Amino acid sequence: MTAAKQKALTSYRRRLKREGLVRLEVHVRQDDAVLIKGVAQALRDPDRENETRAALQQFGPPRRKSFKEFLTEAPLDGVDLTRAHDREREVDL
């Protein structure tokens, strides 16, 4: 590859990374190729991305909750979370 082509490719990849885009390769049936390209275009389109993403969420894995979300939803009524501090315990080394 010539130096000019390499520089152009590097610049292109840097621009994509800066925009938060990644290259993804998938294998689909030929009949579905147009459909998958359309979905990818809809996800890139700022006007349609939220609607498209919401429609596709049912097909993907469920979103994992963060530990903080898990704790805020935990039923902690009646659970004593206080702890006595025992600073003078003996440690056998």
PDB file of N, CA and C in Angstrom:
ATOM      1  N   MET A   1       0.846  -1.163   0.000  1.00  0.00           N
ATOM      2  CA  MET A   1       0.000   0.000   0.000  1.00  0.00           C
ATOM      3  C   MET A   1       0.898   1.235   0.000  1.00  0.00           C
ATOM      4  N   THR A   2       0.551   2.184  -0.832  1.00  0.00           N
ATOM      5  CA  THR A   2       1.369   3.391  -0.909  1.00  0.00           C
ATOM      6  C   THR A   2       1.185   4.223   0.355  1.00  0.00           C
ATOM      7  N   ALA A   3       2.112   5.142   0.569  1.00  0.00           N
ATOM      8  CA  ALA A   3       2.075   5.987   1.768  1.00  0.00           C
ATOM      9  C   ALA A   3       0.811   6.841   1.796  1.00  0.00           C
ATOM     10  N   ALA A   4       0.387   7.331   0.632  1.00  0.00           N
ATOM     11  CA  ALA A   4      -0.811   8.169   0.580  1.00  0.00           C
ATOM     12  C   ALA A   4      -2.062   7.368   0.953  1.00  0.00           C
ATOM     13  N   LYS A   5      -2.152   6.127   0.461  1.00  0.00           N
ATOM     14  CA  LYS A   5      -3.304   5.288   0.783  1.00  0.00           C
ATOM     15  C   LYS A   5      -3.312   4.936   2.262  1.00  0.00           C
ATOM     16  N   GLN A   6      -2.143   4.644   2.799  1.00  0.00           N
ATOM     17  CA  GLN A   6      -2.032   4.306   4.217  1.00  0.00           C
ATOM     18  C   GLN A   6      -2.434   5.495   5.086  1.00  0.00           C
ATOM     19  N   LYS A   7      -2.014   6.687   4.700  1.00  0.00           N
ATOM     20  CA  LYS A   7      -2.357   7.887   5.458  1.00  0.00           C
ATOM     21  C   LYS A   7      -3.865   8.137   5.407  1.00  0.00           C
ATOM     22  N   ALA A   8      -4.471   7.952   4.239  1.00  0.00           N
ATOM     23  CA  ALA A   8      -5.912   8.147   4.094  1.00  0.00           C
ATOM     24  C   ALA A   8      -6.686   7.132   4.937  1.00  0.00           C
ATOM     25  N   LEU A   9      -6.244   5.884   4.925  1.00  0.00           N
ATOM     26  CA  LEU A   9      -6.899   4.840   5.704  1.00  0.00           C
ATOM     27  C   LEU A   9      -6.782   5.113   7.201  1.00  0.00           C
ATOM     28  N   THR A  10      -5.619   5.527   7.642  1.00  0.00           N
ATOM     29  CA  THR A  10      -5.408   5.856   9.052  1.00  0.00           C
ATOM     30  C   THR A  10      -6.294   7.023   9.471  1.00  0.00           C
ATOM     31  N   SER A  11      -6.376   8.020   8.629  1.00  0.00           N
ATOM     32  CA  SER A  11      -7.212   9.181   8.918  1.00  0.00           C
ATOM     33  C   SER A  11      -8.688   8.783   8.998  1.00  0.00           C
ATOM     34  N   TYR A  12      -9.129   7.934   8.079  1.00  0.00           N
ATOM     35  CA  TYR A  12     -10.513   7.459   8.059  1.00  0.00           C
ATOM     36  C   TYR A  12     -10.835   6.677   9.331  1.00  0.00           C
ATOM     37  N   ARG A  13      -9.965   5.769   9.710  1.00  0.00           N
ATOM     38  CA  ARG A  13     -10.190   4.966  10.914  1.00  0.00           C
ATOM     39  C   ARG A  13     -10.184   5.835  12.169  1.00  0.00           C
ATOM     40  N   ARG A  14      -9.338   6.824  12.227  1.00  0.00           N
ATOM     41  CA  ARG A  14      -9.289   7.741  13.357  1.00  0.00           C
ATOM     42  C   ARG A  14     -10.586   8.545  13.459  1.00  0.00           C
ATOM     43  N   ARG A  15     -11.093   8.981  12.311  1.00  0.00           N
ATOM     44  CA  ARG A  15     -12.344   9.741  12.282  1.00  0.00           C
ATOM     45  C   ARG A  15     -13.515   8.885  12.772  1.00  0.00           C
ATOM     46  N   LEU A  16     -13.573   7.631  12.314  1.00  0.00           N
ATOM     47  CA  LEU A  16     -14.638   6.736  12.772  1.00  0.00           C
ATOM     48  C   LEU A  16     -14.558   6.517  14.283  1.00  0.00           C
ATOM     49  N   LYS A  17     -13.366   6.309  14.796  1.00  0.00           N
ATOM     50  CA  LYS A  17     -13.180   6.078  16.224  1.00  0.00           C
ATOM     51  C   LYS A  17     -13.604   7.303  17.021  1.00  0.00           C
ATOM     52  N   ARG A  18     -13.262   8.486  16.529  1.00  0.00           N
ATOM     53  CA  ARG A  18     -13.631   9.728  17.204  1.00  0.00           C
ATOM     54  C   ARG A  18     -15.154   9.883  17.256  1.00  0.00           C
ATOM     55  N   GLU A  19     -15.851   9.404  16.223  1.00  0.00           N
ATOM     56  CA  GLU A  19     -17.315   9.482  16.166  1.00  0.00           C
ATOM     57  C   GLU A  19     -17.977   8.349  16.941  1.00  0.00           C
ATOM     58  N   GLY A  20     -17.186   7.438  17.498  1.00  0.00           N
ATOM     59  CA  GLY A  20     -17.728   6.349  18.291  1.00  0.00           C
ATOM     60  C   GLY A  20     -18.243   5.191  17.459  1.00  0.00           C
ATOM     61  N   LEU A  21     -17.810   5.076  16.227  1.00  0.00           N
ATOM     62  CA  LEU A  21     -18.248   3.995  15.349  1.00  0.00           C
ATOM     63  C   LEU A  21     -17.211   2.890  15.299  1.00  0.00           C
ATOM     64  N   VAL A  22     -17.680   1.665  15.146  1.00  0.00           N
ATOM     65  CA  VAL A  22     -16.790   0.520  14.997  1.00  0.00           C
ATOM     66  C   VAL A  22     -17.190  -0.254  13.755  1.00  0.00           C
ATOM     67  N   ARG A  23     -16.226  -0.931  13.190  1.00  0.00           N
ATOM     68  CA  ARG A  23     -16.490  -1.775  12.034  1.00  0.00           C
ATOM     69  C   ARG A  23     -16.977  -3.126  12.540  1.00  0.00           C
ATOM     70  N   LEU A  24     -18.019  -3.638  11.906  1.00  0.00           N
ATOM     71  CA  LEU A  24     -18.621  -4.884  12.335  1.00  0.00           C
ATOM     72  C   LEU A  24     -18.907  -5.726  11.111  1.00  0.00           C
ATOM     73  N   GLU A  25     -18.505  -6.983  11.173  1.00  0.00           N
ATOM     74  CA  GLU A  25     -18.760  -7.887  10.051  1.00  0.00           C
ATOM     75  C   GLU A  25     -19.717  -8.971  10.524  1.00  0.00           C
ATOM     76  N   VAL A  26     -20.776  -9.186   9.761  1.00  0.00           N
ATOM     77  CA  VAL A  26     -21.742 -10.231  10.086  1.00  0.00           C
ATOM     78  C   VAL A  26     -21.983 -11.079   8.852  1.00  0.00           C
ATOM     79  N   HIS A  27     -22.387 -12.311   9.075  1.00  0.00           N
ATOM     80  CA  HIS A  27     -22.717 -13.212   7.986  1.00  0.00           C
ATOM     81  C   HIS A  27     -24.216 -13.454   8.012  1.00  0.00           C
ATOM     82  N   VAL A  28     -24.898 -13.064   6.932  1.00  0.00           N
ATOM     83  CA  VAL A  28     -26.341 -13.236   6.830  1.00  0.00           C
ATOM     84  C   VAL A  28     -26.672 -13.803   5.453  1.00  0.00           C
ATOM     85  N   ARG A  29     -27.873 -14.285   5.328  1.00  0.00           N
ATOM     86  CA  ARG A  29     -28.319 -14.755   4.016  1.00  0.00           C
ATOM     87  C   ARG A  29     -28.385 -13.583   3.061  1.00  0.00           C
ATOM     88  N   GLN A  30     -28.213 -13.875   1.804  1.00  0.00           N
ATOM     89  CA  GLN A  30     -28.188 -12.831   0.784  1.00  0.00           C
ATOM     90  C   GLN A  30     -29.488 -12.037   0.775  1.00  0.00           C
ATOM     91  N   ASP A  31     -30.612 -12.704   1.031  1.00  0.00           N
ATOM     92  CA  ASP A  31     -31.906 -12.019   1.036  1.00  0.00           C
ATOM     93  C   ASP A  31     -32.011 -10.998   2.171  1.00  0.00           C
ATOM     94  N   ASP A  32     -31.269 -11.228   3.256  1.00  0.00           N
ATOM     95  CA  ASP A  32     -31.348 -10.349   4.421  1.00  0.00           C
ATOM     96  C   ASP A  32     -30.309  -9.229   4.407  1.00  0.00           C
ATOM     97  N   ALA A  33     -29.395  -9.241   3.461  1.00  0.00           N
ATOM     98  CA  ALA A  33     -28.312  -8.252   3.442  1.00  0.00           C
ATOM     99  C   ALA A  33     -28.851  -6.830   3.360  1.00  0.00           C
ATOM    100  N   VAL A  34     -29.838  -6.604   2.521  1.00  0.00           N
ATOM    101  CA  VAL A  34     -30.413  -5.262   2.370  1.00  0.00           C
ATOM    102  C   VAL A  34     -31.085  -4.834   3.677  1.00  0.00           C
ATOM    103  N   LEU A  35     -31.764  -5.773   4.321  1.00  0.00           N
ATOM    104  CA  LEU A  35     -32.425  -5.483   5.590  1.00  0.00           C
ATOM    105  C   LEU A  35     -31.418  -5.069   6.660  1.00  0.00           C
ATOM    106  N   ILE A  36     -30.331  -5.822   6.786  1.00  0.00           N
ATOM    107  CA  ILE A  36     -29.312  -5.521   7.804  1.00  0.00           C
ATOM    108  C   ILE A  36     -28.642  -4.181   7.513  1.00  0.00           C
ATOM    109  N   LYS A  37     -28.381  -3.895   6.244  1.00  0.00           N
ATOM    110  CA  LYS A  37     -27.804  -2.590   5.891  1.00  0.00           C
ATOM    111  C   LYS A  37     -28.761  -1.462   6.256  1.00  0.00           C
ATOM    112  N   GLY A  38     -30.049  -1.684   6.045  1.00  0.00           N
ATOM    113  CA  GLY A  38     -31.048  -0.682   6.411  1.00  0.00           C
ATOM    114  C   GLY A  38     -31.104  -0.439   7.906  1.00  0.00           C
ATOM    115  N   VAL A  39     -30.991  -1.510   8.684  1.00  0.00           N
ATOM    116  CA  VAL A  39     -30.969  -1.375  10.142  1.00  0.00           C
ATOM    117  C   VAL A  39     -29.735  -0.588  10.570  1.00  0.00           C
ATOM    118  N   ALA A  40     -28.593  -0.897   9.983  1.00  0.00           N
ATOM    119  CA  ALA A  40     -27.355  -0.183  10.324  1.00  0.00           C
ATOM    120  C   ALA A  40     -27.475   1.297   9.974  1.00  0.00           C
ATOM    121  N   GLN A  41     -28.066   1.610   8.833  1.00  0.00           N
ATOM    122  CA  GLN A  41     -28.255   3.010   8.446  1.00  0.00           C
ATOM    123  C   GLN A  41     -29.203   3.719   9.404  1.00  0.00           C
ATOM    124  N   ALA A  42     -30.265   3.033   9.823  1.00  0.00           N
ATOM    125  CA  ALA A  42     -31.220   3.640  10.755  1.00  0.00           C
ATOM    126  C   ALA A  42     -30.566   3.907  12.104  1.00  0.00           C
ATOM    127  N   LEU A  43     -29.658   3.037  12.543  1.00  0.00           N
ATOM    128  CA  LEU A  43     -28.960   3.251  13.815  1.00  0.00           C
ATOM    129  C   LEU A  43     -27.968   4.413  13.732  1.00  0.00           C
ATOM    130  N   ARG A  44     -27.439   4.668  12.541  1.00  0.00           N
ATOM    131  CA  ARG A  44     -26.509   5.793  12.370  1.00  0.00           C
ATOM    132  C   ARG A  44     -27.227   7.126  12.201  1.00  0.00           C
ATOM    133  N   ASP A  45     -28.494   7.088  11.778  1.00  0.00           N
ATOM    134  CA  ASP A  45     -29.258   8.308  11.515  1.00  0.00           C
ATOM    135  C   ASP A  45     -29.722   8.932  12.835  1.00  0.00           C
ATOM    136  N   PRO A  46     -29.293  10.151  13.149  1.00  0.00           N
ATOM    137  CA  PRO A  46     -29.671  10.770  14.421  1.00  0.00           C
ATOM    138  C   PRO A  46     -31.187  10.921  14.603  1.00  0.00           C
ATOM    139  N   ASP A  47     -31.930  11.049  13.519  1.00  0.00           N
ATOM    140  CA  ASP A  47     -33.378  11.222  13.618  1.00  0.00           C
ATOM    141  C   ASP A  47     -34.101   9.922  13.940  1.00  0.00           C
ATOM    142  N   ARG A  48     -33.515   8.783  13.560  1.00  0.00           N
ATOM    143  CA  ARG A  48     -34.200   7.506  13.732  1.00  0.00           C
ATOM    144  C   ARG A  48     -33.516   6.563  14.718  1.00  0.00           C
ATOM    145  N   GLU A  49     -32.358   6.933  15.237  1.00  0.00           N
ATOM    146  CA  GLU A  49     -31.591   5.987  16.046  1.00  0.00           C
ATOM    147  C   GLU A  49     -32.304   5.550  17.322  1.00  0.00           C
ATOM    148  N   ASN A  50     -32.935   6.473  18.036  1.00  0.00           N
ATOM    149  CA  ASN A  50     -33.597   6.096  19.297  1.00  0.00           C
ATOM    150  C   ASN A  50     -34.777   5.163  19.046  1.00  0.00           C
ATOM    151  N   GLU A  51     -35.563   5.467  18.042  1.00  0.00           N
ATOM    152  CA  GLU A  51     -36.716   4.627  17.701  1.00  0.00           C
ATOM    153  C   GLU A  51     -36.269   3.233  17.256  1.00  0.00           C
ATOM    154  N   THR A  52     -35.233   3.181  16.439  1.00  0.00           N
ATOM    155  CA  THR A  52     -34.716   1.905  15.954  1.00  0.00           C
ATOM    156  C   THR A  52     -34.129   1.086  17.093  1.00  0.00           C
ATOM    157  N   ARG A  53     -33.352   1.733  17.945  1.00  0.00           N
ATOM    158  CA  ARG A  53     -32.725   1.034  19.068  1.00  0.00           C
ATOM    159  C   ARG A  53     -33.792   0.471  20.010  1.00  0.00           C
ATOM    160  N   ALA A  54     -34.851   1.245  20.256  1.00  0.00           N
ATOM    161  CA  ALA A  54     -35.922   0.776  21.134  1.00  0.00           C
ATOM    162  C   ALA A  54     -36.623  -0.438  20.531  1.00  0.00           C
ATOM    163  N   ALA A  55     -36.821  -0.433  19.226  1.00  0.00           N
ATOM    164  CA  ALA A  55     -37.479  -1.562  18.564  1.00  0.00           C
ATOM    165  C   ALA A  55     -36.600  -2.810  18.589  1.00  0.00           C
ATOM    166  N   LEU A  56     -35.286  -2.644  18.538  1.00  0.00           N
ATOM    167  CA  LEU A  56     -34.367  -3.782  18.488  1.00  0.00           C
ATOM    168  C   LEU A  56     -34.012  -4.332  19.867  1.00  0.00           C
ATOM    169  N   GLN A  57     -34.319  -3.607  20.937  1.00  0.00           N
ATOM    170  CA  GLN A  57     -33.955  -4.049  22.284  1.00  0.00           C
ATOM    171  C   GLN A  57     -34.559  -5.406  22.628  1.00  0.00           C
ATOM    172  N   GLN A  58     -35.718  -5.725  22.078  1.00  0.00           N
ATOM    173  CA  GLN A  58     -36.362  -6.996  22.408  1.00  0.00           C
ATOM    174  C   GLN A  58     -35.603  -8.199  21.860  1.00  0.00           C
ATOM    175  N   PHE A  59     -34.731  -7.999  20.894  1.00  0.00           N
ATOM    176  CA  PHE A  59     -33.991  -9.103  20.288  1.00  0.00           C
ATOM    177  C   PHE A  59     -32.635  -9.330  20.926  1.00  0.00           C
ATOM    178  N   GLY A  60     -32.113  -8.342  21.617  1.00  0.00           N
ATOM    179  CA  GLY A  60     -30.796  -8.455  22.223  1.00  0.00           C
ATOM    180  C   GLY A  60     -30.879  -8.992  23.631  1.00  0.00           C
ATOM    181  N   PRO A  61     -29.727  -9.219  24.235  1.00  0.00           N
ATOM    182  CA  PRO A  61     -29.721  -9.687  25.631  1.00  0.00           C
ATOM    183  C   PRO A  61     -30.233  -8.571  26.539  1.00  0.00           C
ATOM    184  N   PRO A  62     -30.823  -8.925  27.671  1.00  0.00           N
ATOM    185  CA  PRO A  62     -31.307  -7.882  28.581  1.00  0.00           C
ATOM    186  C   PRO A  62     -30.146  -7.053  29.106  1.00  0.00           C
ATOM    187  N   ARG A  63     -30.405  -5.781  29.287  1.00  0.00           N
ATOM    188  CA  ARG A  63     -29.368  -4.877  29.776  1.00  0.00           C
ATOM    189  C   ARG A  63     -29.077  -5.197  31.229  1.00  0.00           C
ATOM    190  N   ARG A  64     -27.811  -5.354  31.537  1.00  0.00           N
ATOM    191  CA  ARG A  64     -27.412  -5.631  32.914  1.00  0.00           C
ATOM    192  C   ARG A  64     -27.543  -4.365  33.736  1.00  0.00           C
ATOM    193  N   LYS A  65     -28.015  -4.549  34.951  1.00  0.00           N
ATOM    194  CA  LYS A  65     -28.103  -3.425  35.862  1.00  0.00           C
ATOM    195  C   LYS A  65     -26.757  -3.222  36.522  1.00  0.00           C
ATOM    196  N   SER A  66     -26.470  -1.983  36.819  1.00  0.00           N
ATOM    197  CA  SER A  66     -25.245  -1.711  37.560  1.00  0.00           C
ATOM    198  C   SER A  66     -25.451  -2.130  39.012  1.00  0.00           C
ATOM    199  N   PHE A  67     -24.377  -2.248  39.748  1.00  0.00           N
ATOM    200  CA  PHE A  67     -24.469  -2.631  41.146  1.00  0.00           C
ATOM    201  C   PHE A  67     -25.267  -1.598  41.936  1.00  0.00           C
ATOM    202  N   LYS A  68     -25.094  -0.332  41.563  1.00  0.00           N
ATOM    203  CA  LYS A  68     -25.826   0.737  42.237  1.00  0.00           C
ATOM    204  C   LYS A  68     -27.328   0.593  41.982  1.00  0.00           C
ATOM    205  N   GLU A  69     -27.732   0.303  40.740  1.00  0.00           N
ATOM    206  CA  GLU A  69     -29.149   0.092  40.422  1.00  0.00           C
ATOM    207  C   GLU A  69     -29.695  -1.113  41.179  1.00  0.00           C
ATOM    208  N   PHE A  70     -28.902  -2.159  41.256  1.00  0.00           N
ATOM    209  CA  PHE A  70     -29.311  -3.359  41.978  1.00  0.00           C
ATOM    210  C   PHE A  70     -29.590  -3.043  43.447  1.00  0.00           C
ATOM    211  N   LEU A  71     -28.698  -2.283  44.074  1.00  0.00           N
ATOM    212  CA  LEU A  71     -28.873  -1.948  45.484  1.00  0.00           C
ATOM    213  C   LEU A  71     -30.076  -1.043  45.724  1.00  0.00           C
ATOM    214  N   THR A  72     -30.321  -0.095  44.815  1.00  0.00           N
ATOM    215  CA  THR A  72     -31.460   0.803  45.012  1.00  0.00           C
ATOM    216  C   THR A  72     -32.787   0.075  44.872  1.00  0.00           C
ATOM    217  N   GLU A  73     -32.822  -1.029  44.133  1.00  0.00           N
ATOM    218  CA  GLU A  73     -34.058  -1.784  43.953  1.00  0.00           C
ATOM    219  C   GLU A  73     -34.203  -2.926  44.959  1.00  0.00           C
ATOM    220  N   ALA A  74     -33.177  -3.179  45.741  1.00  0.00           N
ATOM    221  CA  ALA A  74     -33.211  -4.296  46.690  1.00  0.00           C
ATOM    222  C   ALA A  74     -34.173  -3.997  47.839  1.00  0.00           C
ATOM    223  N   PRO A  75     -34.972  -4.975  48.227  1.00  0.00           N
ATOM    224  CA  PRO A  75     -35.894  -4.773  49.358  1.00  0.00           C
ATOM    225  C   PRO A  75     -35.143  -4.894  50.680  1.00  0.00           C
ATOM    226  N   LEU A  76     -34.757  -3.765  51.244  1.00  0.00           N
ATOM    227  CA  LEU A  76     -33.951  -3.762  52.468  1.00  0.00           C
ATOM    228  C   LEU A  76     -34.758  -3.338  53.691  1.00  0.00           C
ATOM    229  N   ASP A  77     -36.082  -3.369  53.608  1.00  0.00           N
ATOM    230  CA  ASP A  77     -36.910  -2.995  54.750  1.00  0.00           C
ATOM    231  C   ASP A  77     -36.699  -3.990  55.888  1.00  0.00           C
ATOM    232  N   GLY A  78     -36.404  -3.469  57.056  1.00  0.00           N
ATOM    233  CA  GLY A  78     -36.227  -4.325  58.217  1.00  0.00           C
ATOM    234  C   GLY A  78     -34.853  -4.955  58.332  1.00  0.00           C
ATOM    235  N   VAL A  79     -33.944  -4.660  57.442  1.00  0.00           N
ATOM    236  CA  VAL A  79     -32.598  -5.220  57.499  1.00  0.00           C
ATOM    237  C   VAL A  79     -31.695  -4.219  58.211  1.00  0.00           C
ATOM    238  N   ASP A  80     -31.026  -4.679  59.254  1.00  0.00           N
ATOM    239  CA  ASP A  80     -30.128  -3.823  60.012  1.00  0.00           C
ATOM    240  C   ASP A  80     -28.765  -3.815  59.330  1.00  0.00           C
ATOM    241  N   LEU A  81     -28.383  -2.675  58.805  1.00  0.00           N
ATOM    242  CA  LEU A  81     -27.123  -2.574  58.066  1.00  0.00           C
ATOM    243  C   LEU A  81     -26.000  -1.969  58.902  1.00  0.00           C
ATOM    244  N   THR A  82     -26.255  -1.739  60.182  1.00  0.00           N
ATOM    245  CA  THR A  82     -25.194  -1.193  61.026  1.00  0.00           C
ATOM    246  C   THR A  82     -24.287  -2.322  61.506  1.00  0.00           C
ATOM    247  N   ARG A  83     -23.075  -1.973  61.809  1.00  0.00           N
ATOM    248  CA  ARG A  83     -22.101  -2.974  62.210  1.00  0.00           C
ATOM    249  C   ARG A  83     -21.247  -2.400  63.330  1.00  0.00           C
ATOM    250  N   ALA A  84     -21.021  -3.206  64.340  1.00  0.00           N
ATOM    251  CA  ALA A  84     -20.165  -2.768  65.443  1.00  0.00           C
ATOM    252  C   ALA A  84     -18.716  -2.831  64.985  1.00  0.00           C
ATOM    253  N   HIS A  85     -17.997  -1.770  65.243  1.00  0.00           N
ATOM    254  CA  HIS A  85     -16.585  -1.730  64.852  1.00  0.00           C
ATOM    255  C   HIS A  85     -15.737  -2.344  65.959  1.00  0.00           C
ATOM    256  N   ASP A  86     -15.090  -3.442  65.678  1.00  0.00           N
ATOM    257  CA  ASP A  86     -14.251  -4.143  66.641  1.00  0.00           C
ATOM    258  C   ASP A  86     -12.797  -3.889  66.249  1.00  0.00           C
ATOM    259  N   ARG A  87     -12.226  -2.849  66.827  1.00  0.00           N
ATOM    260  CA  ARG A  87     -10.878  -2.448  66.440  1.00  0.00           C
ATOM    261  C   ARG A  87      -9.792  -3.135  67.267  1.00  0.00           C
ATOM    262  N   GLU A  88     -10.141  -3.808  68.355  1.00  0.00           N
ATOM    263  CA  GLU A  88      -9.129  -4.365  69.230  1.00  0.00           C
ATOM    264  C   GLU A  88      -9.127  -5.885  69.200  1.00  0.00           C
ATOM    265  N   ARG A  89      -9.358  -6.466  68.083  1.00  0.00           N
ATOM    266  CA  ARG A  89      -9.324  -7.912  68.010  1.00  0.00           C
ATOM    267  C   ARG A  89      -7.889  -8.379  67.822  1.00  0.00           C
ATOM    268  N   GLU A  90      -7.606  -9.546  68.276  1.00  0.00           N
ATOM    269  CA  GLU A  90      -6.267 -10.093  68.144  1.00  0.00           C
ATOM    270  C   GLU A  90      -6.145 -10.819  66.821  1.00  0.00           C
ATOM    271  N   VAL A  91      -5.031 -10.629  66.180  1.00  0.00           N
ATOM    272  CA  VAL A  91      -4.763 -11.268  64.897  1.00  0.00           C
ATOM    273  C   VAL A  91      -3.540 -12.138  65.058  1.00  0.00           C
ATOM    274  N   ASP A  92      -3.674 -13.407  64.720  1.00  0.00           N
ATOM    275  CA  ASP A  92      -2.557 -14.334  64.836  1.00  0.00           C
ATOM    276  C   ASP A  92      -1.817 -14.385  63.507  1.00  0.00           C
ATOM    277  N   LEU A  93      -0.640 -13.823  63.492  1.00  0.00           N
ATOM    278  CA  LEU A  93       0.174 -13.819  62.279  1.00  0.00           C
ATOM    279  C   LEU A  93       1.159 -14.912  62.386  1.00  0.00           C
TER     280      LEU A  93
END
